[in-house]
Amino acid sequence: MESPAADDEGDCFSPLLLNATSVNIEVYYNKAVNYTLMVTFVSFLQVLLLIRQMEHSNTQSGAAKVSILMIGQQAIMDAYLCLLHLTAGILVESLFNAFATAAFFKFVIFSIFEMRYLLAIWKASRHMNSGEGWATMRRELSVLYSHFYGILLGGILVMYEFHNYLRSILFLMYSFWIPQIFTNVIRDSRKPLHPHYILGMTVTRLAIPLYIFGCPNNFMRTEPDKTWCLYLGVFIGLQASILLLQHYLGSRWFIPRQILPEKYFYYRRFDQESNHATDCVICMTAIDLTRHSNDCMVTPCDHFFHSGCLQRWMDIKMECPTCRRPLPPA
């Protein structure tokens, strides 16, 4: 459509050109519904992965090995996704049921599973560090919740002000494995995350950004950017690879031994002539002290245990079964 070049009085105007395109509403709605089905299925898988991980670290010692920043960052991501899908359902009334279902699953992940896991990690870490009363615990818990929701609301303002840098912000949000990598190195944690949880969360977290920025026929009609999608996949894949190698090779496998702090050796030599008890108090069976082997572990407080018994005990509590003194990482 082109405007006339002059009006009735003879005044000239610059031509006005308008281009119009048609949108097939039925196809558009089908794409949106398929997207919400994909988000719902991915959310269901994430619930199963979270349950698997919570069972893997259901002890006090196991929960204390998990980074609270890692779980908190994923909880914030799910809270944002819940708000976004709920807002989209409100704006497009005909698609409210589909988007509300996706938002509900994200709300379940965020409010029930991840916040519960976050609280369990905080309680385990606090129990290992201090032993104050209920008033102090309640005050610290209120500080934890205020920090979490403060970051949640502050992130919304940051993304609103810097929406032109959304892809850079997504890169920052998808660095949620990095706190766990540093926690493993600092604490020398032994297998804090289940491998299925690492792989599953890495793949399912990529589903939404790869659809938005990688699918050429997405319902949001955004221009695909395959290069950015490749960078994002390599970035989070590298983090997951480091975590898996820490699981199988040790938390500090990539750090040279020369710069590592001295670590207690549980298979150290012991004085066979000393009057030590020869019964493992965990399984209540005798320990063969006639020869030094990897079947026997000695704690810093000079108590003897079978290797398998003490390792299973340390997965539950990092304290000596005999005298209750704290134990260093194995």
C-alpha atoms as a PDB file:
ATOM      1  CA  MET A   1       0.000   0.000   0.000  1.00  0.00           C
ATOM      2  CA  GLU A   2       1.379   3.404  -1.008  1.00  0.00           C
ATOM      3  CA  SER A   3       0.142   6.815   0.161  1.00  0.00           C
ATOM      4  CA  PRO A   4      -0.685   9.609  -2.332  1.00  0.00           C
ATOM      5  CA  ALA A   5       2.199  11.913  -3.159  1.00  0.00           C
ATOM      6  CA  ALA A   6       0.142  15.131  -2.664  1.00  0.00           C
ATOM      7  CA  ASP A   7      -2.954  16.266  -0.758  1.00  0.00           C
ATOM      8  CA  ASP A   8      -5.858  18.434  -1.975  1.00  0.00           C
ATOM      9  CA  GLU A   9      -3.919  21.678  -1.491  1.00  0.00           C
ATOM     10  CA  GLY A  10      -1.028  20.474  -3.561  1.00  0.00           C
ATOM     11  CA  ASP A  11       1.380  19.899  -0.682  1.00  0.00           C
ATOM     12  CA  CYS A  12       3.772  17.054  -1.340  1.00  0.00           C
ATOM     13  CA  PHE A  13       4.373  14.251   1.149  1.00  0.00           C
ATOM     14  CA  SER A  14       6.964  11.523   1.193  1.00  0.00           C
ATOM     15  CA  PRO A  15       5.502   8.189   0.056  1.00  0.00           C
ATOM     16  CA  LEU A  16       4.446   5.771   2.810  1.00  0.00           C
ATOM     17  CA  LEU A  17       5.067   2.109   2.071  1.00  0.00           C
ATOM     18  CA  LEU A  18       3.480  -0.649   4.151  1.00  0.00           C
ATOM     19  CA  ASN A  19       4.115  -4.366   3.923  1.00  0.00           C
ATOM     20  CA  ALA A  20       1.689  -6.867   5.468  1.00  0.00           C
ATOM     21  CA  THR A  21       2.094 -10.591   6.051  1.00  0.00           C
ATOM     22  CA  SER A  22      -0.498 -13.147   7.026  1.00  0.00           C
ATOM     23  CA  VAL A  23      -0.229 -15.519   9.977  1.00  0.00           C
ATOM     24  CA  ASN A  24      -1.919 -18.891  10.051  1.00  0.00           C
ATOM     25  CA  ILE A  25      -3.402 -18.839  13.536  1.00  0.00           C
ATOM     26  CA  GLU A  26      -4.079 -22.579  13.608  1.00  0.00           C
ATOM     27  CA  VAL A  27      -0.491 -23.479  12.722  1.00  0.00           C
ATOM     28  CA  TYR A  28       0.799 -20.886  15.199  1.00  0.00           C
ATOM     29  CA  TYR A  29      -1.315 -22.310  18.038  1.00  0.00           C
ATOM     30  CA  ASN A  30      -0.255 -25.873  17.189  1.00  0.00           C
ATOM     31  CA  LYS A  31       3.407 -24.877  17.431  1.00  0.00           C
ATOM     32  CA  ALA A  32       2.788 -23.201  20.790  1.00  0.00           C
ATOM     33  CA  VAL A  33       0.977 -26.265  22.139  1.00  0.00           C
ATOM     34  CA  ASN A  34       3.787 -28.542  20.953  1.00  0.00           C
ATOM     35  CA  TYR A  35       6.267 -26.271  22.718  1.00  0.00           C
ATOM     36  CA  THR A  36       4.351 -26.488  25.994  1.00  0.00           C
ATOM     37  CA  LEU A  37       4.188 -30.281  25.664  1.00  0.00           C
ATOM     38  CA  MET A  38       7.954 -30.341  25.234  1.00  0.00           C
ATOM     39  CA  VAL A  39       8.442 -28.151  28.319  1.00  0.00           C
ATOM     40  CA  THR A  40       6.075 -30.338  30.343  1.00  0.00           C
ATOM     41  CA  PHE A  41       7.895 -33.529  29.324  1.00  0.00           C
ATOM     42  CA  VAL A  42      11.300 -31.984  30.101  1.00  0.00           C
ATOM     43  CA  SER A  43      10.022 -30.793  33.480  1.00  0.00           C
ATOM     44  CA  PHE A  44       8.784 -34.293  34.300  1.00  0.00           C
ATOM     45  CA  LEU A  45      12.234 -35.702  33.490  1.00  0.00           C
ATOM     46  CA  GLN A  46      13.849 -33.070  35.723  1.00  0.00           C
ATOM     47  CA  VAL A  47      11.604 -34.105  38.612  1.00  0.00           C
ATOM     48  CA  LEU A  48      12.770 -37.708  38.217  1.00  0.00           C
ATOM     49  CA  LEU A  49      16.410 -36.599  38.065  1.00  0.00           C
ATOM     50  CA  LEU A  50      16.021 -34.481  41.190  1.00  0.00           C
ATOM     51  CA  ILE A  51      14.470 -37.400  43.065  1.00  0.00           C
ATOM     52  CA  ARG A  52      17.389 -39.609  41.971  1.00  0.00           C
ATOM     53  CA  GLN A  53      19.900 -37.028  43.163  1.00  0.00           C
ATOM     54  CA  MET A  54      18.125 -36.508  46.500  1.00  0.00           C
ATOM     55  CA  GLU A  55      18.217 -40.259  47.086  1.00  0.00           C
ATOM     56  CA  HIS A  56      21.917 -40.275  46.180  1.00  0.00           C
ATOM     57  CA  SER A  57      22.669 -37.624  48.829  1.00  0.00           C
ATOM     58  CA  ASN A  58      19.991 -38.457  51.401  1.00  0.00           C
ATOM     59  CA  THR A  59      22.490 -38.469  54.292  1.00  0.00           C
ATOM     60  CA  GLN A  60      23.863 -35.501  56.181  1.00  0.00           C
ATOM     61  CA  SER A  61      27.358 -36.025  54.816  1.00  0.00           C
ATOM     62  CA  GLY A  62      26.072 -36.509  51.264  1.00  0.00           C
ATOM     63  CA  ALA A  63      23.943 -33.348  51.313  1.00  0.00           C
ATOM     64  CA  ALA A  64      26.821 -31.274  52.699  1.00  0.00           C
ATOM     65  CA  LYS A  65      28.920 -32.157  49.617  1.00  0.00           C
ATOM     66  CA  VAL A  66      26.425 -30.528  47.225  1.00  0.00           C
ATOM     67  CA  SER A  67      26.909 -26.848  46.397  1.00  0.00           C
ATOM     68  CA  ILE A  68      24.032 -24.716  47.637  1.00  0.00           C
ATOM     69  CA  LEU A  69      24.843 -22.128  44.940  1.00  0.00           C
ATOM     70  CA  MET A  70      24.400 -24.721  42.208  1.00  0.00           C
ATOM     71  CA  ILE A  71      20.927 -25.767  43.400  1.00  0.00           C
ATOM     72  CA  GLY A  72      19.954 -22.159  44.113  1.00  0.00           C
ATOM     73  CA  GLN A  73      20.929 -21.054  40.609  1.00  0.00           C
ATOM     74  CA  GLN A  74      18.832 -23.800  39.029  1.00  0.00           C
ATOM     75  CA  ALA A  75      15.911 -22.930  41.322  1.00  0.00           C
ATOM     76  CA  ILE A  76      16.065 -19.303  40.165  1.00  0.00           C
ATOM     77  CA  MET A  77      16.088 -20.430  36.525  1.00  0.00           C
ATOM     78  CA  ASP A  78      12.972 -22.545  37.078  1.00  0.00           C
ATOM     79  CA  ALA A  79      11.253 -19.672  38.905  1.00  0.00           C
ATOM     80  CA  TYR A  80      11.899 -17.387  35.922  1.00  0.00           C
ATOM     81  CA  LEU A  81      10.560 -20.011  33.512  1.00  0.00           C
ATOM     82  CA  CYS A  82       7.455 -20.418  35.660  1.00  0.00           C
ATOM     83  CA  LEU A  83       6.774 -16.675  35.580  1.00  0.00           C
ATOM     84  CA  LEU A  84       7.436 -16.428  31.833  1.00  0.00           C
ATOM     85  CA  HIS A  85       5.071 -19.258  30.913  1.00  0.00           C
ATOM     86  CA  LEU A  86       2.387 -17.993  33.262  1.00  0.00           C
ATOM     87  CA  THR A  87       2.647 -14.492  31.775  1.00  0.00           C
ATOM     88  CA  ALA A  88       2.447 -15.892  28.238  1.00  0.00           C
ATOM     89  CA  GLY A  89      -0.686 -17.828  29.176  1.00  0.00           C
ATOM     90  CA  ILE A  90      -2.303 -14.692  30.571  1.00  0.00           C
ATOM     91  CA  LEU A  91      -1.469 -12.630  27.471  1.00  0.00           C
ATOM     92  CA  VAL A  92      -2.757 -15.261  25.023  1.00  0.00           C
ATOM     93  CA  GLU A  93      -6.039 -16.370  26.557  1.00  0.00           C
ATOM     94  CA  SER A  94      -6.687 -19.162  24.057  1.00  0.00           C
ATOM     95  CA  LEU A  95      -3.366 -20.809  25.052  1.00  0.00           C
ATOM     96  CA  PHE A  96      -3.748 -20.287  28.788  1.00  0.00           C
ATOM     97  CA  ASN A  97      -4.320 -23.967  29.639  1.00  0.00           C
ATOM     98  CA  ALA A  98      -1.239 -25.115  27.724  1.00  0.00           C
ATOM     99  CA  PHE A  99       1.111 -22.486  29.158  1.00  0.00           C
ATOM    100  CA  ALA A 100      -0.388 -22.790  32.641  1.00  0.00           C
ATOM    101  CA  THR A 101       0.402 -26.516  32.617  1.00  0.00           C
ATOM    102  CA  ALA A 102       4.041 -25.836  31.729  1.00  0.00           C
ATOM    103  CA  ALA A 103       4.201 -23.114  34.390  1.00  0.00           C
ATOM    104  CA  PHE A 104       2.691 -25.469  36.972  1.00  0.00           C
ATOM    105  CA  PHE A 105       5.373 -28.111  36.394  1.00  0.00           C
ATOM    106  CA  LYS A 106       8.097 -25.489  36.685  1.00  0.00           C
ATOM    107  CA  PHE A 107       6.459 -24.243  39.872  1.00  0.00           C
ATOM    108  CA  VAL A 108       6.475 -27.776  41.309  1.00  0.00           C
ATOM    109  CA  ILE A 109      10.179 -28.188  40.512  1.00  0.00           C
ATOM    110  CA  PHE A 110      11.069 -24.809  41.966  1.00  0.00           C
ATOM    111  CA  SER A 111       8.900 -24.627  45.064  1.00  0.00           C
ATOM    112  CA  ILE A 112       8.713 -28.267  46.170  1.00  0.00           C
ATOM    113  CA  PHE A 113      11.798 -30.173  45.065  1.00  0.00           C
ATOM    114  CA  GLU A 114      14.556 -27.598  44.624  1.00  0.00           C
ATOM    115  CA  MET A 115      13.658 -25.440  47.623  1.00  0.00           C
ATOM    116  CA  ARG A 116      13.369 -28.554  49.787  1.00  0.00           C
ATOM    117  CA  TYR A 117      16.743 -29.778  48.541  1.00  0.00           C
ATOM    118  CA  LEU A 118      18.199 -26.313  49.098  1.00  0.00           C
ATOM    119  CA  LEU A 119      17.017 -26.370  52.703  1.00  0.00           C
ATOM    120  CA  ALA A 120      18.413 -29.882  53.245  1.00  0.00           C
ATOM    121  CA  ILE A 121      21.841 -28.802  51.965  1.00  0.00           C
ATOM    122  CA  TRP A 122      21.792 -25.716  54.178  1.00  0.00           C
ATOM    123  CA  LYS A 123      20.849 -27.736  57.258  1.00  0.00           C
ATOM    124  CA  ALA A 124      23.559 -30.332  56.576  1.00  0.00           C
ATOM    125  CA  SER A 125      26.259 -27.681  56.075  1.00  0.00           C
ATOM    126  CA  ARG A 126      25.153 -25.746  59.135  1.00  0.00           C
ATOM    127  CA  HIS A 127      25.075 -28.850  61.344  1.00  0.00           C
ATOM    128  CA  MET A 128      28.642 -29.635  60.369  1.00  0.00           C
ATOM    129  CA  ASN A 129      29.845 -26.099  61.112  1.00  0.00           C
ATOM    130  CA  SER A 130      27.987 -25.042  64.247  1.00  0.00           C
ATOM    131  CA  GLY A 131      25.558 -26.093  66.920  1.00  0.00           C
ATOM    132  CA  GLU A 132      23.625 -22.985  68.023  1.00  0.00           C
ATOM    133  CA  GLY A 133      20.061 -22.971  69.254  1.00  0.00           C
ATOM    134  CA  TRP A 134      16.751 -22.638  67.481  1.00  0.00           C
ATOM    135  CA  ALA A 135      16.703 -18.815  67.564  1.00  0.00           C
ATOM    136  CA  THR A 136      20.014 -18.569  65.725  1.00  0.00           C
ATOM    137  CA  MET A 137      18.925 -21.184  63.230  1.00  0.00           C
ATOM    138  CA  ARG A 138      15.674 -19.347  62.515  1.00  0.00           C
ATOM    139  CA  ARG A 139      17.537 -16.068  62.010  1.00  0.00           C
ATOM    140  CA  GLU A 140      20.013 -17.672  59.609  1.00  0.00           C
ATOM    141  CA  LEU A 141      17.168 -19.338  57.738  1.00  0.00           C
ATOM    142  CA  SER A 142      15.394 -16.018  57.270  1.00  0.00           C
ATOM    143  CA  VAL A 143      18.635 -14.543  55.920  1.00  0.00           C
ATOM    144  CA  LEU A 144      18.900 -17.441  53.454  1.00  0.00           C
ATOM    145  CA  TYR A 145      15.359 -16.914  52.150  1.00  0.00           C
ATOM    146  CA  SER A 146      15.789 -13.138  51.952  1.00  0.00           C
ATOM    147  CA  HIS A 147      18.985 -13.534  49.923  1.00  0.00           C
ATOM    148  CA  PHE A 148      17.333 -16.033  47.580  1.00  0.00           C
ATOM    149  CA  TYR A 149      14.222 -13.988  46.838  1.00  0.00           C
ATOM    150  CA  GLY A 150      16.275 -10.774  46.727  1.00  0.00           C
ATOM    151  CA  ILE A 151      18.443 -12.268  43.983  1.00  0.00           C
ATOM    152  CA  LEU A 152      15.303 -13.545  42.249  1.00  0.00           C
ATOM    153  CA  LEU A 153      13.681 -10.102  42.136  1.00  0.00           C
ATOM    154  CA  GLY A 154      16.942  -8.317  41.396  1.00  0.00           C
ATOM    155  CA  GLY A 155      17.555 -10.614  38.437  1.00  0.00           C
ATOM    156  CA  ILE A 156      14.214  -9.626  36.934  1.00  0.00           C
ATOM    157  CA  LEU A 157      15.219  -5.957  37.079  1.00  0.00           C
ATOM    158  CA  VAL A 158      18.639  -6.683  35.598  1.00  0.00           C
ATOM    159  CA  MET A 159      17.163  -8.637  32.683  1.00  0.00           C
ATOM    160  CA  TYR A 160      14.635  -5.846  32.066  1.00  0.00           C
ATOM    161  CA  GLU A 161      17.323  -3.160  31.980  1.00  0.00           C
ATOM    162  CA  PHE A 162      19.811  -5.202  29.957  1.00  0.00           C
ATOM    163  CA  HIS A 163      17.413  -7.143  27.719  1.00  0.00           C
ATOM    164  CA  ASN A 164      19.634  -6.357  24.730  1.00  0.00           C
ATOM    165  CA  TYR A 165      22.306  -8.562  26.333  1.00  0.00           C
ATOM    166  CA  LEU A 166      19.944 -11.474  26.959  1.00  0.00           C
ATOM    167  CA  ARG A 167      22.235 -14.050  25.365  1.00  0.00           C
ATOM    168  CA  SER A 168      25.159 -13.034  27.559  1.00  0.00           C
ATOM    169  CA  ILE A 169      22.897 -13.240  30.626  1.00  0.00           C
ATOM    170  CA  LEU A 170      21.828 -16.748  29.553  1.00  0.00           C
ATOM    171  CA  PHE A 171      25.484 -17.768  29.360  1.00  0.00           C
ATOM    172  CA  LEU A 172      25.904 -16.563  32.937  1.00  0.00           C
ATOM    173  CA  MET A 173      22.802 -18.448  34.092  1.00  0.00           C
ATOM    174  CA  TYR A 174      23.950 -21.642  32.374  1.00  0.00           C
ATOM    175  CA  SER A 175      27.168 -21.727  34.368  1.00  0.00           C
ATOM    176  CA  PHE A 176      25.331 -23.450  37.230  1.00  0.00           C
ATOM    177  CA  TRP A 177      27.762 -26.413  37.316  1.00  0.00           C
ATOM    178  CA  ILE A 178      30.764 -24.174  38.060  1.00  0.00           C
ATOM    179  CA  PRO A 179      29.986 -23.692  41.815  1.00  0.00           C
ATOM    180  CA  GLN A 180      29.861 -27.479  42.239  1.00  0.00           C
ATOM    181  CA  ILE A 181      33.203 -27.889  40.467  1.00  0.00           C
ATOM    182  CA  PHE A 182      34.865 -25.403  42.826  1.00  0.00           C
ATOM    183  CA  THR A 183      33.143 -26.964  45.850  1.00  0.00           C
ATOM    184  CA  ASN A 184      34.505 -30.375  44.894  1.00  0.00           C
ATOM    185  CA  VAL A 185      38.027 -28.989  44.616  1.00  0.00           C
ATOM    186  CA  ILE A 186      37.928 -26.984  47.854  1.00  0.00           C
ATOM    187  CA  ARG A 187      36.338 -29.698  50.002  1.00  0.00           C
ATOM    188  CA  ASP A 188      37.784 -32.661  48.096  1.00  0.00           C
ATOM    189  CA  SER A 189      34.273 -34.115  47.959  1.00  0.00           C
ATOM    190  CA  ARG A 190      33.793 -37.743  46.969  1.00  0.00           C
ATOM    191  CA  LYS A 191      31.032 -38.304  44.360  1.00  0.00           C
ATOM    192  CA  PRO A 192      28.549 -35.606  45.466  1.00  0.00           C
ATOM    193  CA  LEU A 193      26.364 -35.807  42.328  1.00  0.00           C
ATOM    194  CA  HIS A 194      24.914 -38.841  40.603  1.00  0.00           C
ATOM    195  CA  PRO A 195      26.139 -39.197  36.978  1.00  0.00           C
ATOM    196  CA  HIS A 196      22.549 -39.553  35.727  1.00  0.00           C
ATOM    197  CA  TYR A 197      21.698 -36.232  37.364  1.00  0.00           C
ATOM    198  CA  ILE A 198      24.673 -34.503  35.722  1.00  0.00           C
ATOM    199  CA  LEU A 199      23.930 -35.822  32.236  1.00  0.00           C
ATOM    200  CA  GLY A 200      20.152 -35.511  32.514  1.00  0.00           C
ATOM    201  CA  MET A 201      20.130 -31.950  33.785  1.00  0.00           C
ATOM    202  CA  THR A 202      22.695 -30.881  31.201  1.00  0.00           C
ATOM    203  CA  VAL A 203      20.536 -32.176  28.339  1.00  0.00           C
ATOM    204  CA  THR A 204      17.139 -31.067  29.652  1.00  0.00           C
ATOM    205  CA  ARG A 205      18.333 -27.557  30.543  1.00  0.00           C
ATOM    206  CA  LEU A 206      19.404 -27.057  26.924  1.00  0.00           C
ATOM    207  CA  ALA A 207      15.974 -27.898  25.485  1.00  0.00           C
ATOM    208  CA  ILE A 208      14.339 -24.452  25.850  1.00  0.00           C
ATOM    209  CA  PRO A 209      17.226 -22.189  24.697  1.00  0.00           C
ATOM    210  CA  LEU A 210      18.017 -24.494  21.759  1.00  0.00           C
ATOM    211  CA  TYR A 211      14.363 -24.375  20.705  1.00  0.00           C
ATOM    212  CA  ILE A 212      14.153 -20.587  20.933  1.00  0.00           C
ATOM    213  CA  PHE A 213      17.487 -19.756  19.295  1.00  0.00           C
ATOM    214  CA  GLY A 214      18.076 -22.869  17.192  1.00  0.00           C
ATOM    215  CA  CYS A 215      14.736 -23.989  15.752  1.00  0.00           C
ATOM    216  CA  PRO A 216      14.007 -22.132  12.475  1.00  0.00           C
ATOM    217  CA  ASN A 217      10.244 -22.751  12.781  1.00  0.00           C
ATOM    218  CA  ASN A 218       9.686 -21.856  16.438  1.00  0.00           C
ATOM    219  CA  PHE A 219       6.402 -20.214  17.364  1.00  0.00           C
ATOM    220  CA  MET A 220       8.186 -17.113  18.719  1.00  0.00           C
ATOM    221  CA  ARG A 221       9.502 -16.406  15.205  1.00  0.00           C
ATOM    222  CA  THR A 222      12.985 -15.528  16.431  1.00  0.00           C
ATOM    223  CA  GLU A 223      15.908 -15.662  14.053  1.00  0.00           C
ATOM    224  CA  PRO A 224      17.953 -18.839  14.587  1.00  0.00           C
ATOM    225  CA  ASP A 225      21.551 -18.435  15.749  1.00  0.00           C
ATOM    226  CA  LYS A 226      23.261 -21.787  15.366  1.00  0.00           C
ATOM    227  CA  THR A 227      26.659 -20.392  16.348  1.00  0.00           C
ATOM    228  CA  TRP A 228      25.381 -19.188  19.713  1.00  0.00           C
ATOM    229  CA  CYS A 229      23.620 -22.510  20.292  1.00  0.00           C
ATOM    230  CA  LEU A 230      26.876 -24.342  19.553  1.00  0.00           C
ATOM    231  CA  TYR A 231      28.785 -22.155  22.005  1.00  0.00           C
ATOM    232  CA  LEU A 232      26.164 -22.725  24.701  1.00  0.00           C
ATOM    233  CA  GLY A 233      26.198 -26.494  24.179  1.00  0.00           C
ATOM    234  CA  VAL A 234      30.002 -26.642  24.311  1.00  0.00           C
ATOM    235  CA  PHE A 235      30.072 -24.398  27.396  1.00  0.00           C
ATOM    236  CA  ILE A 236      27.672 -26.456  29.511  1.00  0.00           C
ATOM    237  CA  GLY A 237      29.012 -29.732  28.049  1.00  0.00           C
ATOM    238  CA  LEU A 238      32.512 -28.818  29.214  1.00  0.00           C
ATOM    239  CA  GLN A 239      31.212 -28.186  32.739  1.00  0.00           C
ATOM    240  CA  ALA A 240      29.405 -31.541  32.785  1.00  0.00           C
ATOM    241  CA  SER A 241      32.523 -33.316  31.486  1.00  0.00           C
ATOM    242  CA  ILE A 242      34.634 -31.889  34.311  1.00  0.00           C
ATOM    243  CA  LEU A 243      32.045 -33.023  36.874  1.00  0.00           C
ATOM    244  CA  LEU A 244      31.956 -36.536  35.438  1.00  0.00           C
ATOM    245  CA  LEU A 245      35.743 -36.753  35.480  1.00  0.00           C
ATOM    246  CA  GLN A 246      35.717 -35.564  39.085  1.00  0.00           C
ATOM    247  CA  HIS A 247      33.233 -38.329  39.860  1.00  0.00           C
ATOM    248  CA  TYR A 248      35.385 -41.100  38.391  1.00  0.00           C
ATOM    249  CA  LEU A 249      38.968 -39.774  38.720  1.00  0.00           C
ATOM    250  CA  GLY A 250      38.751 -37.695  41.888  1.00  0.00           C
ATOM    251  CA  SER A 251      37.756 -34.133  42.732  1.00  0.00           C
ATOM    252  CA  ARG A 252      41.267 -32.744  42.174  1.00  0.00           C
ATOM    253  CA  TRP A 253      42.335 -34.803  39.170  1.00  0.00           C
ATOM    254  CA  PHE A 254      43.255 -31.758  37.049  1.00  0.00           C
ATOM    255  CA  ILE A 255      45.339 -30.016  39.751  1.00  0.00           C
ATOM    256  CA  PRO A 256      49.082 -30.830  39.923  1.00  0.00           C
ATOM    257  CA  ARG A 257      50.012 -32.714  43.060  1.00  0.00           C
ATOM    258  CA  GLN A 258      52.847 -30.294  43.765  1.00  0.00           C
ATOM    259  CA  ILE A 259      50.436 -27.473  44.622  1.00  0.00           C
ATOM    260  CA  LEU A 260      47.873 -29.577  46.501  1.00  0.00           C
ATOM    261  CA  PRO A 261      47.808 -29.364  50.325  1.00  0.00           C
ATOM    262  CA  GLU A 262      48.983 -32.357  52.294  1.00  0.00           C
ATOM    263  CA  LYS A 263      46.258 -34.958  52.587  1.00  0.00           C
ATOM    264  CA  TYR A 264      45.798 -37.555  55.292  1.00  0.00           C
ATOM    265  CA  PHE A 265      46.578 -41.104  54.128  1.00  0.00           C
ATOM    266  CA  TYR A 266      44.162 -43.641  55.618  1.00  0.00           C
ATOM    267  CA  TYR A 267      46.333 -46.588  54.572  1.00  0.00           C
ATOM    268  CA  ARG A 268      49.376 -45.359  56.472  1.00  0.00           C
ATOM    269  CA  ARG A 269      51.740 -47.738  58.203  1.00  0.00           C
ATOM    270  CA  PHE A 270      50.940 -48.528  61.801  1.00  0.00           C
ATOM    271  CA  ASP A 271      52.809 -50.020  64.725  1.00  0.00           C
ATOM    272  CA  GLN A 272      51.913 -53.695  64.762  1.00  0.00           C
ATOM    273  CA  GLU A 273      53.368 -54.176  68.233  1.00  0.00           C
ATOM    274  CA  SER A 274      51.141 -51.546  69.810  1.00  0.00           C
ATOM    275  CA  ASN A 275      48.116 -52.637  71.803  1.00  0.00           C
ATOM    276  CA  HIS A 276      45.382 -51.663  69.311  1.00  0.00           C
ATOM    277  CA  ALA A 277      41.962 -53.253  69.231  1.00  0.00           C
ATOM    278  CA  THR A 278      41.612 -55.641  66.325  1.00  0.00           C
ATOM    279  CA  ASP A 279      37.830 -55.506  65.936  1.00  0.00           C
ATOM    280  CA  CYS A 280      36.026 -53.240  63.504  1.00  0.00           C
ATOM    281  CA  VAL A 281      33.316 -51.503  65.539  1.00  0.00           C
ATOM    282  CA  ILE A 282      31.209 -51.041  62.394  1.00  0.00           C
ATOM    283  CA  CYS A 283      30.797 -54.673  61.356  1.00  0.00           C
ATOM    284  CA  MET A 284      31.984 -56.173  64.690  1.00  0.00           C
ATOM    285  CA  THR A 285      34.389 -58.617  63.021  1.00  0.00           C
ATOM    286  CA  ALA A 286      38.120 -59.078  63.485  1.00  0.00           C
ATOM    287  CA  ILE A 287      40.721 -57.111  61.511  1.00  0.00           C
ATOM    288  CA  ASP A 288      43.861 -58.862  60.296  1.00  0.00           C
ATOM    289  CA  LEU A 289      46.780 -56.658  61.384  1.00  0.00           C
ATOM    290  CA  THR A 290      49.492 -59.194  60.600  1.00  0.00           C
ATOM    291  CA  ARG A 291      50.196 -57.579  57.237  1.00  0.00           C
ATOM    292  CA  HIS A 292      49.658 -54.116  55.845  1.00  0.00           C
ATOM    293  CA  SER A 293      47.120 -54.033  53.009  1.00  0.00           C
ATOM    294  CA  ASN A 294      44.363 -51.906  51.529  1.00  0.00           C
ATOM    295  CA  ASP A 295      41.785 -53.901  53.495  1.00  0.00           C
ATOM    296  CA  CYS A 296      42.445 -51.847  56.633  1.00  0.00           C
ATOM    297  CA  MET A 297      42.120 -48.093  57.151  1.00  0.00           C
ATOM    298  CA  VAL A 298      43.546 -46.129  60.097  1.00  0.00           C
ATOM    299  CA  THR A 299      41.965 -42.878  61.264  1.00  0.00           C
ATOM    300  CA  PRO A 300      44.025 -39.937  62.608  1.00  0.00           C
ATOM    301  CA  CYS A 301      42.904 -40.969  66.105  1.00  0.00           C
ATOM    302  CA  ASP A 302      44.520 -44.429  65.563  1.00  0.00           C
ATOM    303  CA  HIS A 303      41.341 -46.484  65.261  1.00  0.00           C
ATOM    304  CA  PHE A 304      41.210 -49.399  62.825  1.00  0.00           C
ATOM    305  CA  PHE A 305      38.383 -50.299  60.451  1.00  0.00           C
ATOM    306  CA  HIS A 306      37.796 -52.346  57.348  1.00  0.00           C
ATOM    307  CA  SER A 307      38.186 -50.189  54.243  1.00  0.00           C
ATOM    308  CA  GLY A 308      34.697 -50.875  52.916  1.00  0.00           C
ATOM    309  CA  CYS A 309      33.100 -50.342  56.316  1.00  0.00           C
ATOM    310  CA  LEU A 310      34.756 -46.969  56.919  1.00  0.00           C
ATOM    311  CA  GLN A 311      34.091 -45.691  53.397  1.00  0.00           C
ATOM    312  CA  ARG A 312      30.379 -46.500  53.705  1.00  0.00           C
ATOM    313  CA  TRP A 313      30.368 -44.858  57.141  1.00  0.00           C
ATOM    314  CA  MET A 314      32.036 -41.702  55.784  1.00  0.00           C
ATOM    315  CA  ASP A 315      29.323 -41.427  53.146  1.00  0.00           C
ATOM    316  CA  ILE A 316      26.917 -40.930  56.061  1.00  0.00           C
ATOM    317  CA  LYS A 317      29.004 -39.143  58.701  1.00  0.00           C
ATOM    318  CA  MET A 318      32.454 -37.602  58.558  1.00  0.00           C
ATOM    319  CA  GLU A 319      33.357 -38.586  62.111  1.00  0.00           C
ATOM    320  CA  CYS A 320      35.134 -41.486  63.743  1.00  0.00           C
ATOM    321  CA  PRO A 321      32.703 -44.298  64.691  1.00  0.00           C
ATOM    322  CA  THR A 322      34.663 -44.925  67.901  1.00  0.00           C
ATOM    323  CA  CYS A 323      35.511 -41.530  69.386  1.00  0.00           C
ATOM    324  CA  ARG A 324      33.292 -39.218  67.234  1.00  0.00           C
ATOM    325  CA  ARG A 325      36.195 -36.965  66.222  1.00  0.00           C
ATOM    326  CA  PRO A 326      35.925 -35.255  62.793  1.00  0.00           C
ATOM    327  CA  LEU A 327      37.542 -37.164  59.938  1.00  0.00           C
ATOM    328  CA  PRO A 328      39.429 -35.616  57.011  1.00  0.00           C
ATOM    329  CA  PRO A 329      38.315 -36.392  53.440  1.00  0.00           C
ATOM    330  CA  ALA A 330      39.421 -39.764  52.118  1.00  0.00           C
END
